[in-house]
N, C-alpha and C. Protein backbone atom coordinates (compact mmCIF):
# COMPACT_ATOMS: atom_id res chain seq x y z
N UNK A 1 -0.40 14.17 -7.98
CA UNK A 1 0.93 13.54 -8.88
C UNK A 1 0.93 12.03 -8.62
N UNK A 2 1.38 11.38 -8.85
CA UNK A 2 1.88 9.72 -9.17
C UNK A 2 3.50 9.95 -9.14
N UNK A 3 4.09 9.29 -8.22
CA UNK A 3 5.58 9.75 -8.25
C UNK A 3 6.31 7.71 -9.00
N UNK A 4 7.17 8.09 -9.61
CA UNK A 4 7.84 7.43 -11.22
C UNK A 4 8.07 6.51 -9.88
N UNK A 5 8.58 5.72 -8.62
CA UNK A 5 8.41 4.78 -8.39
C UNK A 5 7.03 3.78 -8.07
N UNK A 6 5.71 4.62 -7.98
CA UNK A 6 4.49 4.56 -7.50
C UNK A 6 3.85 3.45 -8.89
N UNK A 7 4.51 4.59 -9.94
CA UNK A 7 3.60 4.01 -11.52
C UNK A 7 4.45 2.89 -11.56
N UNK A 8 5.96 2.71 -11.74
CA UNK A 8 6.36 1.43 -11.86
C UNK A 8 6.56 -0.11 -10.80
N UNK A 9 5.61 0.20 -9.52
CA UNK A 9 4.96 -1.31 -8.43
C UNK A 9 3.81 -1.06 -9.59
N UNK A 10 3.31 -0.43 -9.87
CA UNK A 10 1.66 -0.92 -10.62
C UNK A 10 2.30 -1.52 -11.79
N UNK A 11 3.01 -1.08 -12.51
CA UNK A 11 3.66 -1.64 -13.60
C UNK A 11 3.80 -3.38 -13.50
N UNK A 12 4.57 -3.59 -12.95
CA UNK A 12 5.45 -4.90 -11.94
C UNK A 12 4.61 -5.82 -11.59
N UNK A 13 3.20 -5.15 -11.38
CA UNK A 13 2.85 -5.99 -10.50
C UNK A 13 1.13 -6.08 -11.35
N UNK A 14 1.07 -5.46 -12.25
CA UNK A 14 -0.09 -5.68 -13.10
C UNK A 14 0.53 -6.89 -14.24
N UNK A 15 1.72 -6.31 -14.41
CA UNK A 15 2.40 -7.48 -15.54
C UNK A 15 2.26 -8.83 -15.06
N UNK A 16 2.86 -8.79 -13.31
CA UNK A 16 2.54 -10.38 -13.04
C UNK A 16 1.29 -10.57 -12.80
N UNK A 17 -0.21 -10.05 -13.13
CA UNK A 17 -1.02 -10.33 -13.20
C UNK A 17 -1.62 -10.98 -14.49
N UNK A 18 -3.28 -11.12 -13.90
CA UNK A 18 -3.79 -11.66 -14.76
C UNK A 18 -4.94 -10.48 -15.46
N UNK A 19 -5.21 -9.16 -14.78
CA UNK A 19 -5.88 -8.30 -15.52
C UNK A 19 -5.14 -7.55 -16.58
N UNK A 20 -6.03 -7.11 -17.70
CA UNK A 20 -5.43 -7.11 -18.36
C UNK A 20 -5.54 -5.55 -19.24
N UNK A 21 -6.17 -4.63 -18.09
CA UNK A 21 -6.27 -2.99 -18.24
C UNK A 21 -6.63 -2.98 -16.51
N UNK A 22 -6.18 -1.49 -15.96
CA UNK A 22 -6.16 -1.17 -14.97
C UNK A 22 -5.95 0.70 -15.12
N UNK A 23 -7.04 1.27 -13.81
CA UNK A 23 -7.22 2.83 -14.49
C UNK A 23 -7.49 2.92 -12.83
N UNK A 24 -6.38 4.28 -12.50
CA UNK A 24 -6.62 4.41 -10.82
C UNK A 24 -6.81 5.96 -11.07
N UNK A 25 -7.26 6.43 -10.88
CA UNK A 25 -7.51 7.93 -10.43
C UNK A 25 -7.61 8.21 -9.26
N UNK A 26 -7.13 9.18 -8.77
CA UNK A 26 -6.28 10.44 -7.26
C UNK A 26 -6.56 12.08 -7.61
N UNK A 27 -7.44 12.31 -7.05
CA UNK A 27 -7.40 13.84 -7.19
C UNK A 27 -6.80 14.50 -8.50
N UNK A 28 -7.86 14.42 -9.64
CA UNK A 28 -7.18 14.87 -10.64
C UNK A 28 -6.38 14.27 -11.58
N UNK A 29 -5.73 12.70 -10.68
CA UNK A 29 -4.44 12.21 -12.18
C UNK A 29 -5.08 10.74 -12.09
N UNK A 30 -4.58 10.35 -13.12
CA UNK A 30 -5.16 9.70 -14.01
C UNK A 30 -3.90 7.94 -14.28
N UNK A 31 -4.14 7.12 -13.58
CA UNK A 31 -2.96 6.36 -14.52
C UNK A 31 -4.38 5.16 -15.34
N UNK A 32 -3.58 4.62 -16.33
CA UNK A 32 -3.82 3.33 -17.43
C UNK A 32 -3.29 2.93 -18.14
N UNK A 33 -3.87 1.72 -17.37
CA UNK A 33 -2.14 0.76 -18.27
C UNK A 33 -3.18 -0.65 -18.88
N UNK A 34 -2.82 -0.81 -19.87
CA UNK A 34 -3.78 -2.03 -20.62
C UNK A 34 -2.09 -2.85 -21.41
N UNK A 35 -2.94 -3.90 -20.63
CA UNK A 35 -1.57 -4.64 -20.60
C UNK A 35 -1.58 -5.32 -21.97
N UNK A 36 -2.44 -5.95 -23.15
CA UNK A 36 -2.16 -5.88 -24.64
C UNK A 36 -1.52 -4.71 -25.61
N UNK A 37 -2.20 -3.74 -25.25
CA UNK A 37 -1.78 -2.59 -26.12
C UNK A 37 -0.15 -2.06 -25.60
N UNK A 38 0.20 -2.65 -24.89
CA UNK A 38 1.09 -2.13 -23.72
C UNK A 38 0.56 -0.07 -23.46
N UNK A 39 -0.12 0.20 -23.26
CA UNK A 39 -0.33 1.30 -23.05
C UNK A 39 -0.21 2.23 -21.71
N UNK A 40 0.69 2.93 -21.03
CA UNK A 40 0.48 3.56 -20.59
C UNK A 40 0.57 5.10 -20.29
N UNK A 41 0.08 6.04 -19.52
CA UNK A 41 -0.38 6.81 -19.80
C UNK A 41 -1.25 7.97 -18.07
N UNK A 42 -0.50 8.79 -18.10
CA UNK A 42 -0.89 9.84 -17.28
C UNK A 42 -1.76 10.79 -17.12
N UNK A 43 -2.78 11.32 -16.86
CA UNK A 43 -3.26 12.43 -17.07
C UNK A 43 -3.86 13.37 -15.83
N UNK A 44 -3.45 14.87 -16.07
CA UNK A 44 -3.59 15.40 -14.80
C UNK A 44 -5.02 16.78 -15.23
N UNK A 45 -5.81 16.38 -14.24
CA UNK A 45 -7.41 17.09 -14.68
C UNK A 45 -7.74 17.93 -13.93
N UNK A 46 -8.58 19.27 -13.47
CA UNK A 46 -8.53 20.31 -12.84
C UNK A 46 -9.56 19.24 -11.59
N UNK A 47 -10.02 18.07 -12.21
CA UNK A 47 -10.76 17.78 -10.70
C UNK A 47 -10.75 17.65 -9.11
N UNK A 48 -11.36 18.06 -8.20
CA UNK A 48 -10.94 17.98 -6.59
C UNK A 48 -11.35 16.74 -6.67
N UNK A 49 -12.03 15.94 -6.90
CA UNK A 49 -13.00 14.70 -6.21
C UNK A 49 -12.22 13.38 -6.35
N UNK A 50 -12.19 12.44 -5.47
CA UNK A 50 -11.72 11.53 -5.58
C UNK A 50 -12.43 9.95 -5.45
N UNK A 51 -12.01 9.33 -6.84
CA UNK A 51 -12.00 7.69 -7.34
C UNK A 51 -11.49 7.08 -7.39
N UNK A 52 -12.28 5.50 -6.59
CA UNK A 52 -11.82 4.68 -6.29
C UNK A 52 -11.06 3.52 -7.24
N UNK A 53 -10.21 3.28 -7.01
CA UNK A 53 -9.69 2.34 -8.65
C UNK A 53 -10.61 1.79 -8.79
N UNK A 54 -10.61 1.38 -10.55
CA UNK A 54 -11.15 0.48 -11.08
C UNK A 54 -9.66 -0.43 -11.61
N UNK A 55 -10.50 -1.15 -11.13
CA UNK A 55 -9.76 -2.87 -12.45
C UNK A 55 -10.58 -3.56 -13.01
N UNK A 56 -10.61 -3.83 -13.96
CA UNK A 56 -11.21 -4.65 -15.01
C UNK A 56 -10.38 -6.10 -15.60
N UNK A 57 -11.04 -6.76 -15.67
CA UNK A 57 -10.69 -8.16 -16.18
C UNK A 57 -11.43 -8.76 -17.64
N UNK A 58 -10.66 -8.39 -18.85
CA UNK A 58 -11.20 -9.16 -19.37
C UNK A 58 -11.82 -10.35 -19.96
N UNK A 59 -10.99 -11.00 -19.87
CA UNK A 59 -10.96 -12.47 -20.47
C UNK A 59 -10.60 -13.26 -19.17
N UNK A 60 -10.88 -14.30 -18.53
CA UNK A 60 -10.26 -15.29 -17.18
C UNK A 60 -8.03 -15.81 -18.28
N UNK A 61 -7.72 -15.75 -16.82
CA UNK A 61 -6.40 -15.85 -17.21
C UNK A 61 -6.47 -17.38 -17.63
N UNK A 62 -4.80 -18.30 -18.71
CA UNK A 62 -5.37 -19.47 -19.03
C UNK A 62 -5.02 -20.39 -17.98
N UNK A 63 -3.10 -19.50 -17.44
CA UNK A 63 -3.17 -20.10 -15.69
C UNK A 63 -3.24 -20.43 -14.72
N UNK A 64 -3.80 -21.14 -14.06
CA UNK A 64 -4.40 -21.36 -13.05
C UNK A 64 -4.07 -20.27 -12.07
N UNK A 65 -4.24 -19.62 -11.61
CA UNK A 65 -4.12 -18.89 -10.65
C UNK A 65 -3.96 -19.30 -9.02
N UNK A 66 -3.15 -18.97 -8.02
CA UNK A 66 -3.14 -19.79 -6.70
C UNK A 66 -4.24 -18.97 -5.67
N UNK A 67 -4.98 -19.62 -5.42
CA UNK A 67 -5.76 -18.79 -4.34
C UNK A 67 -5.29 -17.68 -3.11
N UNK A 68 -5.59 -16.79 -2.76
CA UNK A 68 -5.13 -15.78 -1.90
C UNK A 68 -4.74 -16.33 -0.66
N UNK A 69 -4.03 -16.38 -0.38
CA UNK A 69 -3.43 -16.52 1.09
C UNK A 69 -4.80 -16.42 2.22
N UNK A 70 -5.03 -17.39 3.25
CA UNK A 70 -6.06 -16.59 4.17
C UNK A 70 -5.95 -14.96 4.57
N UNK A 71 -6.28 -14.31 5.06
CA UNK A 71 -6.20 -13.19 5.89
C UNK A 71 -6.81 -12.74 7.06
N UNK A 72 -6.62 -13.05 8.56
CA UNK A 72 -6.68 -13.26 9.70
C UNK A 72 -7.41 -11.36 9.65
N UNK A 73 -8.73 -11.53 10.19
CA UNK A 73 -9.38 -10.01 10.39
C UNK A 73 -9.00 -9.51 11.85
N UNK A 74 -8.96 -8.53 11.69
CA UNK A 74 -8.25 -7.31 13.29
C UNK A 74 -9.08 -7.06 13.74
N UNK A 75 -9.07 -7.82 15.38
CA UNK A 75 -10.03 -7.55 16.27
C UNK A 75 -11.25 -6.07 15.97
N UNK A 76 -12.58 -6.35 16.16
CA UNK A 76 -12.98 -5.54 16.23
C UNK A 76 -12.79 -4.49 17.36
N UNK A 77 -12.45 -4.66 17.97
CA UNK A 77 -12.66 -2.78 18.99
C UNK A 77 -11.00 -1.92 18.59
N UNK A 78 -10.71 -2.38 17.71
CA UNK A 78 -9.39 -1.99 16.88
C UNK A 78 -9.94 -0.92 15.67
N UNK A 79 -11.11 -0.86 15.30
CA UNK A 79 -11.70 -0.61 14.43
C UNK A 79 -12.46 1.33 14.82
N UNK A 80 -12.52 0.77 15.98
CA UNK A 80 -13.04 2.75 16.61
C UNK A 80 -11.66 3.53 16.32
N UNK A 81 -10.44 2.82 16.75
CA UNK A 81 -9.34 4.16 16.40
C UNK A 81 -9.14 4.14 15.36
N UNK A 82 -8.98 3.10 13.77
CA UNK A 82 -8.86 3.46 12.93
C UNK A 82 -9.50 5.04 11.81
N UNK A 83 -10.88 4.69 13.19
CA UNK A 83 -11.53 5.67 12.11
C UNK A 83 -11.35 6.92 13.00
N UNK A 84 -10.56 7.46 13.59
CA UNK A 84 -10.55 8.34 14.38
C UNK A 84 -9.63 9.59 13.79
N UNK A 85 -10.71 10.28 13.40
CA UNK A 85 -10.14 11.45 12.62
C UNK A 85 -8.36 11.97 13.00
N UNK A 86 -8.55 12.06 13.97
CA UNK A 86 -7.36 12.92 14.89
C UNK A 86 -6.07 12.03 14.33
N UNK A 87 -6.07 11.05 14.05
CA UNK A 87 -4.78 10.16 13.79
C UNK A 87 -4.58 9.79 12.24
N UNK A 88 -2.83 10.18 11.85
CA UNK A 88 -2.83 9.40 10.62
C UNK A 88 -2.36 8.42 10.62
N UNK A 89 -2.87 8.19 9.19
CA UNK A 89 -2.50 6.62 8.56
C UNK A 89 -1.23 6.47 8.09
N UNK A 90 -0.81 5.67 8.17
CA UNK A 90 0.66 4.78 6.99
C UNK A 90 -0.21 3.58 6.63
N UNK A 91 -0.03 4.12 5.40
CA UNK A 91 -0.08 2.69 4.91
C UNK A 91 0.47 2.18 4.08
N UNK A 92 -0.22 1.33 3.48
CA UNK A 92 0.54 0.38 2.33
C UNK A 92 1.17 1.01 1.02
N UNK A 93 2.21 1.46 0.62
CA UNK A 93 2.12 1.90 -0.98
C UNK A 93 1.83 0.93 -2.04
N UNK A 94 1.83 -0.43 -1.58
CA UNK A 94 2.20 -1.46 -2.73
C UNK A 94 1.37 -2.52 -2.05
N UNK A 95 1.20 -3.65 -2.48
CA UNK A 95 0.61 -5.12 -2.19
C UNK A 95 1.73 -5.64 -1.83
N UNK A 96 2.09 -6.09 -1.14
CA UNK A 96 3.52 -7.29 -0.27
C UNK A 96 3.16 -7.98 1.28
N UNK A 97 4.14 -8.09 1.42
CA UNK A 97 4.68 -9.12 2.71
C UNK A 97 5.13 -7.62 3.61
N UNK A 98 4.66 -7.43 5.13
CA UNK A 98 5.00 -6.47 5.89
C UNK A 98 6.18 -6.74 6.48
N UNK A 99 6.97 -6.45 7.15
CA UNK A 99 7.74 -6.34 8.08
C UNK A 99 8.28 -5.51 8.66
N UNK A 100 8.35 -5.97 9.78
CA UNK A 100 8.63 -4.36 11.10
C UNK A 100 9.96 -4.59 10.96
N UNK A 101 11.06 -5.30 11.07
CA UNK A 101 12.18 -5.36 10.97
C UNK A 101 12.81 -5.63 9.99
N UNK A 102 14.27 -5.03 9.31
CA UNK A 102 15.37 -5.12 8.38
C UNK A 102 15.58 -7.23 8.61
N UNK A 103 14.80 -7.47 9.35
CA UNK A 103 15.79 -9.22 9.28
C UNK A 103 15.18 -9.47 10.73
N UNK A 104 15.08 -10.84 10.87
CA UNK A 104 14.23 -11.52 12.08
C UNK A 104 15.12 -11.66 13.13
N UNK A 105 16.32 -11.11 13.05
CA UNK A 105 16.96 -11.02 14.56
C UNK A 105 17.08 -9.74 15.26
N UNK A 106 16.87 -8.80 14.23
CA UNK A 106 16.82 -7.32 14.61
C UNK A 106 15.78 -6.65 15.24
N UNK A 107 15.32 -5.79 16.00
CA UNK A 107 14.75 -5.79 16.53
C UNK A 107 13.17 -4.50 15.92
N UNK A 108 12.12 -4.16 15.81
CA UNK A 108 10.79 -3.98 14.95
C UNK A 108 11.73 -2.20 15.00
N UNK A 109 11.40 -1.68 13.73
CA UNK A 109 12.10 -0.54 13.21
C UNK A 109 11.02 0.66 14.32
N UNK A 110 9.95 0.44 14.63
CA UNK A 110 9.18 1.15 15.49
C UNK A 110 8.05 0.39 16.27
N UNK A 111 7.58 0.65 17.14
CA UNK A 111 6.06 0.28 18.30
C UNK A 111 5.88 1.43 18.63
N UNK A 112 4.49 1.10 19.57
CA UNK A 112 3.37 1.92 20.27
C UNK A 112 4.26 2.81 21.00
N UNK A 113 3.76 4.14 21.02
CA UNK A 113 4.63 5.01 21.87
C UNK A 113 5.85 5.56 21.02
N UNK A 114 6.69 4.85 20.27
CA UNK A 114 8.04 6.02 19.24
C UNK A 114 7.28 6.89 19.40
N UNK A 115 8.68 7.95 18.78
CA UNK A 115 8.84 9.29 17.97
C UNK A 115 8.81 9.01 16.77
N UNK A 116 8.35 9.49 15.64
CA UNK A 116 8.85 9.47 14.45
C UNK A 116 8.78 10.83 13.65
N UNK A 117 10.09 10.62 12.83
CA UNK A 117 9.73 11.99 11.91
C UNK A 117 9.24 11.73 10.14
N UNK A 118 9.39 12.81 9.71
CA UNK A 118 9.03 12.74 8.13
C UNK A 118 9.67 11.57 7.62
N UNK A 119 11.16 11.23 7.57
CA UNK A 119 11.63 10.12 6.94
C UNK A 119 12.21 8.80 7.40
N UNK A 120 11.53 8.40 8.72
CA UNK A 120 11.86 7.55 9.41
C UNK A 120 11.51 6.45 8.95
N UNK A 121 12.18 5.30 8.61
CA UNK A 121 11.77 4.20 8.32
C UNK A 121 11.37 3.61 9.40
N UNK A 122 9.73 2.98 9.04
CA UNK A 122 8.64 2.24 9.95
C UNK A 122 8.19 1.18 9.71
N UNK A 123 8.70 0.24 8.35
CA UNK A 123 8.90 -0.86 8.39
C UNK A 123 9.27 -1.03 6.85
N UNK A 124 9.23 -2.41 6.56
CA UNK A 124 9.46 -2.77 4.77
C UNK A 124 8.37 -3.64 4.30
N UNK A 125 8.01 -3.42 3.00
CA UNK A 125 7.05 -4.19 2.66
C UNK A 125 7.18 -4.48 1.08
N UNK A 126 7.91 -6.14 1.05
CA UNK A 126 8.53 -6.79 0.19
C UNK A 126 7.54 -6.89 -0.79
N UNK A 127 7.69 -7.21 -2.24
CA UNK A 127 6.87 -6.77 -3.10
C UNK A 127 7.81 -7.74 -4.24
N UNK A 128 7.50 -8.72 -5.31
CA UNK A 128 8.25 -8.96 -5.97
C UNK A 128 9.51 -9.23 -6.13
N UNK A 129 10.21 -10.06 -4.81
CA UNK A 129 11.68 -10.30 -3.89
C UNK A 129 12.45 -8.98 -3.81
N UNK A 130 11.46 -7.37 -3.37
CA UNK A 130 11.90 -6.29 -3.92
C UNK A 130 11.62 -5.64 -2.18
N UNK A 131 12.45 -5.28 -1.54
CA UNK A 131 11.97 -4.96 -0.22
C UNK A 131 12.37 -3.56 0.23
N UNK A 132 10.76 -2.52 0.36
CA UNK A 132 10.85 -1.33 0.14
C UNK A 132 10.45 -0.49 1.31
N UNK A 133 11.73 -0.11 1.61
CA UNK A 133 11.65 0.50 3.34
C UNK A 133 10.40 1.40 2.92
N UNK A 134 9.40 1.92 3.78
CA UNK A 134 8.37 2.34 4.23
C UNK A 134 8.72 3.79 5.03
N UNK A 135 8.91 4.74 4.55
CA UNK A 135 9.20 6.38 5.57
C UNK A 135 7.47 6.45 6.16
N UNK A 136 7.93 7.52 7.79
CA UNK A 136 6.74 7.50 8.21
C UNK A 136 5.99 8.88 7.57
N UNK A 137 6.52 9.59 6.58
CA UNK A 137 6.18 10.68 5.46
C UNK A 137 4.95 12.08 6.67
N UNK A 138 5.13 11.78 8.38
CA UNK A 138 4.45 12.62 9.34
C UNK A 138 5.55 12.75 10.49
N UNK A 139 4.90 13.50 11.19
CA UNK A 139 6.14 13.80 12.44
C UNK A 139 4.87 13.53 13.44
N UNK A 140 4.96 12.85 14.54
CA UNK A 140 5.00 12.12 15.84
C UNK A 140 5.41 10.97 16.66
N UNK A 141 3.85 10.73 17.37
CA UNK A 141 3.77 9.59 17.46
C UNK A 141 3.20 8.43 17.29
N UNK A 142 3.83 6.93 17.09
CA UNK A 142 3.13 5.59 16.67
C UNK A 142 2.49 5.45 18.00
N UNK A 143 1.06 5.60 17.46
CA UNK A 143 -0.16 4.52 18.31
C UNK A 143 -0.53 3.22 18.55
N UNK A 144 -0.51 3.16 17.41
CA UNK A 144 -0.68 1.56 16.49
C UNK A 144 -0.47 1.04 15.95
N UNK A 145 0.64 -0.28 15.75
CA UNK A 145 0.64 -1.17 15.08
C UNK A 145 0.01 -1.96 14.31
N UNK A 146 -0.92 -1.90 13.28
CA UNK A 146 -1.96 -2.24 12.81
C UNK A 146 -2.06 -3.38 11.89
N UNK A 147 -0.89 -4.29 11.92
CA UNK A 147 -0.61 -5.14 11.34
C UNK A 147 0.62 -6.29 11.59
N UNK A 148 0.49 -7.34 11.57
CA UNK A 148 1.35 -8.40 12.03
C UNK A 148 2.50 -8.96 11.49
N UNK A 149 3.76 -8.78 11.66
CA UNK A 149 4.76 -9.09 10.78
C UNK A 149 4.54 -10.27 10.24
N UNK A 150 4.83 -10.64 8.48
CA UNK A 150 5.10 -11.52 8.07
C UNK A 150 3.43 -11.61 7.50
N UNK A 151 2.59 -10.38 7.37
CA UNK A 151 0.91 -10.53 7.16
C UNK A 151 1.61 -9.96 5.72
N UNK A 152 0.72 -10.18 4.82
CA UNK A 152 -0.02 -9.65 3.54
C UNK A 152 -0.99 -8.66 3.84
N UNK A 153 -0.22 -7.70 3.01
CA UNK A 153 -1.33 -6.32 2.87
C UNK A 153 -1.84 -5.72 1.46
N UNK A 154 -2.47 -5.19 1.72
CA UNK A 154 -2.92 -4.45 0.15
C UNK A 154 -2.76 -3.08 0.06
N UNK A 155 -2.38 -2.48 -1.52
CA UNK A 155 -2.53 -1.56 -1.60
C UNK A 155 -3.15 -0.67 -0.75
N UNK A 156 -2.74 0.55 0.20
CA UNK A 156 -3.45 1.65 0.42
C UNK A 156 -4.13 1.05 1.89
N UNK A 157 -3.57 -0.21 2.60
CA UNK A 157 -3.93 -0.63 3.65
C UNK A 157 -3.34 0.06 4.70
N UNK A 158 -3.96 0.45 6.08
CA UNK A 158 -3.49 1.51 7.06
C UNK A 158 -2.39 0.50 7.46
N UNK A 159 -1.36 0.67 7.94
CA UNK A 159 -0.54 -0.35 9.01
C UNK A 159 -0.28 0.32 10.26
N UNK A 160 -0.08 1.75 9.95
CA UNK A 160 0.31 2.22 11.48
C UNK A 160 -0.45 3.54 11.64
N UNK A 161 -1.43 4.04 13.14
CA UNK A 161 -1.83 5.18 13.61
C UNK A 161 -0.73 5.78 14.00
N UNK A 162 -0.48 7.13 14.13
CA UNK A 162 0.41 7.82 14.16
C UNK A 162 -0.31 9.27 14.73
N UNK A 163 -0.39 10.14 15.93
CA UNK A 163 -0.85 11.01 16.35
C UNK A 163 0.39 12.06 16.06
N UNK A 164 -0.84 12.87 15.42
CA UNK A 164 0.94 13.72 14.34
C UNK A 164 0.69 14.80 15.33
N UNK A 165 1.74 15.62 15.09
CA UNK A 165 2.70 16.61 15.70
C UNK A 165 2.53 18.05 15.21
């Protein structure tokens, strides 16, 4: 099932983009948004397979769209750790800007080696001038921070690797 906050974020992001239709299915739950008809539906089916998000764009936007900011690639040495099945990934629940601390003068919420609980705040993702605190949702130890402070992150992008306890 989707959380209402997740659905609201998706609606805001689709509304501010040039996308006319957005469909997302995961674990039998489906969200479908259409801009022109303003339709929002959520269906839960007994299916067990996970389907990747589908984004369809019917016509080019009337206003010019700014080119996306250049995103630096992570070093290839970190790739094996990301694929380690024994590590839990804390992923970004939205597209936005990653911040390690509540303000530039404060220390990072967490760093490698820190212990976290289910409700421990690990970072902030800013989306559309809203600062969203991201919780660990797992108990364990931070193994690696995968994103640099101020970096743009995508929906579902791994932010931290945690050795779950």
